Amino acid sequence: MLHAGHRIGLALVIVVLGACRSHPATQAAKAAPPPRGVAAADAPARAPSQPAPAVRVAAHAGADGELAVSVRNHAAAPVEIAPALRVERAETQGFEPVAEVDLAAQAGARCVRLAPGAELQPTPPSESRLRARGTYRVVLNGCEDSYRIDSEPFELP
């Protein structure tokens, strides 16, 4: 049986614990990466995205629909990107994929490594020639979809 003093103390402990759980510092700690030695399954769930590195994707289309694309690594370290770029066209519900441009020199590659300062200027195959007038963009994904970088939208005249 609890005395009155013990009941007040127990109630105070419950209130303090509840306040700690909702405190911003506690919430931030829950979102932090797990400490070394703690398995990811034991850690709180986090968004899979990483910040995009300093990679720039530039694209434009000529009057004949021929696509010119450039991918440049402005970071001080190498980056790994997905082996294909996606070309998308603006539709009423947003951008929709219309073609892919292969970046990998080797078929079946999972990632393409881009050295610091390096630039890729892939030659898109003739089937990726843009045929319809409209607004397009080129999308680059990080290796295993860890980030996404869109080119500035461009028009097919």
Protein backbone atom coordinates (compact mmCIF):
# COMPACT_ATOMS: atom_id res chain seq x y z
CA MET A 1 0.00 0.00 0.00
CA LEU A 2 1.31 3.45 -0.96
CA HIS A 3 1.32 6.37 1.44
CA ALA A 4 0.05 9.75 0.28
CA GLY A 5 3.62 11.03 -0.08
CA HIS A 6 4.56 8.06 -2.29
CA ARG A 7 1.49 8.60 -4.53
CA ILE A 8 2.45 12.25 -5.09
CA GLY A 9 6.06 11.24 -5.83
CA LEU A 10 4.91 8.54 -8.27
CA ALA A 11 2.57 10.97 -10.02
CA LEU A 12 5.39 13.49 -10.31
CA VAL A 13 7.70 10.86 -11.88
CA ILE A 14 5.01 9.94 -14.45
CA VAL A 15 4.44 13.60 -15.36
CA VAL A 16 8.19 14.25 -15.72
CA LEU A 17 8.67 11.15 -17.89
CA GLY A 18 5.77 12.18 -20.10
CA ALA A 19 7.23 15.68 -20.46
CA CYS A 20 10.67 14.28 -21.36
CA ARG A 21 9.22 12.13 -24.13
CA SER A 22 7.56 15.13 -25.77
CA HIS A 23 10.52 17.52 -25.28
CA PRO A 24 12.14 18.67 -28.59
CA ALA A 25 15.58 17.40 -27.51
CA THR A 26 14.12 13.93 -26.93
CA GLN A 27 12.41 14.01 -30.32
CA ALA A 28 15.68 15.08 -32.00
CA ALA A 29 17.57 12.27 -30.30
CA LYS A 30 15.04 9.78 -31.66
CA ALA A 31 15.70 11.05 -35.21
CA ALA A 32 19.51 10.92 -34.87
CA PRO A 33 21.47 8.07 -36.47
CA PRO A 34 21.99 5.05 -34.24
CA PRO A 35 25.17 4.96 -32.18
CA ARG A 36 27.95 2.60 -33.21
CA GLY A 37 27.15 -0.98 -32.41
CA VAL A 38 23.36 -0.48 -32.54
CA ALA A 39 21.66 -2.40 -35.32
CA ALA A 40 19.54 -0.41 -37.76
CA ALA A 41 16.48 -2.49 -36.82
CA ASP A 42 16.83 -1.27 -33.23
CA ALA A 43 17.06 2.36 -34.37
CA PRO A 44 14.08 4.60 -35.09
CA ALA A 45 12.89 4.66 -38.72
CA ARG A 46 14.39 7.45 -40.87
CA ALA A 47 13.74 8.67 -44.38
CA PRO A 48 15.95 6.80 -46.90
CA SER A 49 16.96 9.96 -48.77
CA GLN A 50 20.35 11.52 -48.44
CA PRO A 51 21.20 15.08 -49.37
CA ALA A 52 22.13 15.32 -53.02
CA PRO A 53 25.82 15.90 -53.70
CA ALA A 54 27.04 18.85 -55.77
CA VAL A 55 26.16 17.29 -59.11
CA ARG A 56 24.64 19.37 -61.88
CA VAL A 57 22.48 17.97 -64.66
CA ALA A 58 22.02 20.20 -67.71
CA ALA A 59 19.93 19.36 -70.76
CA HIS A 60 18.44 20.96 -73.84
CA ALA A 61 16.84 19.86 -77.08
CA GLY A 62 17.61 21.02 -80.60
CA ALA A 63 14.89 21.93 -83.10
CA ASP A 64 15.01 18.38 -84.47
CA GLY A 65 14.38 16.92 -80.98
CA GLU A 66 17.96 15.77 -80.50
CA LEU A 67 18.75 15.73 -76.79
CA ALA A 68 22.03 17.05 -75.35
CA VAL A 69 22.79 16.12 -71.72
CA SER A 70 25.67 16.92 -69.37
CA VAL A 71 26.29 15.57 -65.85
CA ARG A 72 29.09 17.24 -63.87
CA ASN A 73 30.42 16.46 -60.38
CA HIS A 74 31.20 19.74 -58.58
CA ALA A 75 31.90 17.92 -55.30
CA ALA A 76 35.39 17.41 -53.85
CA ALA A 77 34.77 13.66 -53.61
CA PRO A 78 33.64 11.02 -56.11
CA VAL A 79 29.89 10.35 -56.35
CA GLU A 80 28.03 7.26 -57.42
CA ILE A 81 25.01 7.73 -59.63
CA ALA A 82 22.42 5.42 -61.17
CA PRO A 83 23.45 4.01 -64.56
CA ALA A 84 20.63 5.75 -66.47
CA LEU A 85 19.07 9.21 -66.69
CA ARG A 86 15.31 9.50 -67.10
CA VAL A 87 13.80 12.01 -69.54
CA GLU A 88 10.38 13.27 -68.44
CA ARG A 89 7.72 15.39 -70.19
CA ALA A 90 5.32 17.75 -68.42
CA GLU A 91 1.74 16.49 -68.56
CA THR A 92 -1.42 17.75 -66.84
CA GLN A 93 -0.76 15.56 -63.77
CA GLY A 94 2.98 16.36 -63.56
CA PHE A 95 6.06 15.02 -65.30
CA GLU A 96 5.88 11.56 -66.90
CA PRO A 97 8.84 9.40 -68.10
CA VAL A 98 9.33 9.29 -71.89
CA ALA A 99 12.88 7.92 -72.39
CA GLU A 100 16.08 6.79 -70.69
CA VAL A 101 19.69 7.69 -71.43
CA ASP A 102 22.27 5.04 -70.50
CA LEU A 103 25.38 6.27 -68.68
CA ALA A 104 27.08 2.95 -68.02
CA ALA A 105 29.80 1.78 -70.36
CA GLN A 106 29.06 -1.77 -69.19
CA ALA A 107 25.59 -3.32 -69.45
CA GLY A 108 24.08 -4.30 -66.11
CA ALA A 109 26.19 -1.90 -64.03
CA ARG A 110 24.52 -0.95 -60.73
CA CYS A 111 26.30 2.39 -60.33
CA VAL A 112 28.47 4.81 -62.27
CA ARG A 113 31.32 6.46 -60.36
CA LEU A 114 31.95 10.10 -61.26
CA ALA A 115 35.29 11.56 -60.10
CA PRO A 116 35.55 15.08 -58.64
CA GLY A 117 35.33 17.65 -61.44
CA ALA A 118 34.46 14.97 -64.03
CA GLU A 119 31.73 15.49 -66.60
CA LEU A 120 29.71 12.96 -68.58
CA GLN A 121 28.16 13.94 -71.91
CA PRO A 122 26.33 10.81 -72.97
CA THR A 123 25.10 10.46 -76.52
CA PRO A 124 21.43 9.57 -76.27
CA PRO A 125 20.26 6.85 -78.66
CA SER A 126 18.13 7.95 -81.61
CA GLU A 127 15.00 6.45 -79.99
CA SER A 128 15.32 9.03 -77.18
CA ARG A 129 14.88 11.85 -79.69
CA LEU A 130 12.08 14.06 -78.41
CA ARG A 131 9.17 14.08 -80.84
CA ALA A 132 6.44 16.17 -79.20
CA ARG A 133 6.64 19.86 -78.40
CA GLY A 134 6.49 20.59 -74.72
CA THR A 135 8.42 21.00 -71.48
CA TYR A 136 10.94 18.35 -70.52
CA ARG A 137 13.48 17.67 -67.79
CA VAL A 138 16.18 15.08 -67.16
CA VAL A 139 16.28 13.26 -63.82
CA LEU A 140 19.40 11.74 -62.28
CA ASN A 141 19.12 9.38 -59.31
CA GLY A 142 21.87 8.52 -56.89
CA CYS A 143 23.07 4.97 -56.75
CA GLU A 144 20.22 2.85 -55.37
CA ASP A 145 17.88 5.91 -55.38
CA SER A 146 19.64 7.56 -52.43
CA TYR A 147 18.95 11.05 -53.86
CA ARG A 148 17.45 12.72 -56.93
CA ILE A 149 18.60 15.69 -59.02
CA ASP A 150 16.42 17.26 -61.74
CA SER A 151 17.72 19.39 -64.60
CA GLU A 152 16.10 22.75 -65.17
CA PRO A 153 13.00 22.28 -67.35
CA PHE A 154 13.60 22.95 -71.05
CA GLU A 155 11.35 23.33 -74.08
CA LEU A 156 11.25 21.46 -77.35
CA PRO A 157 10.70 24.29 -79.85
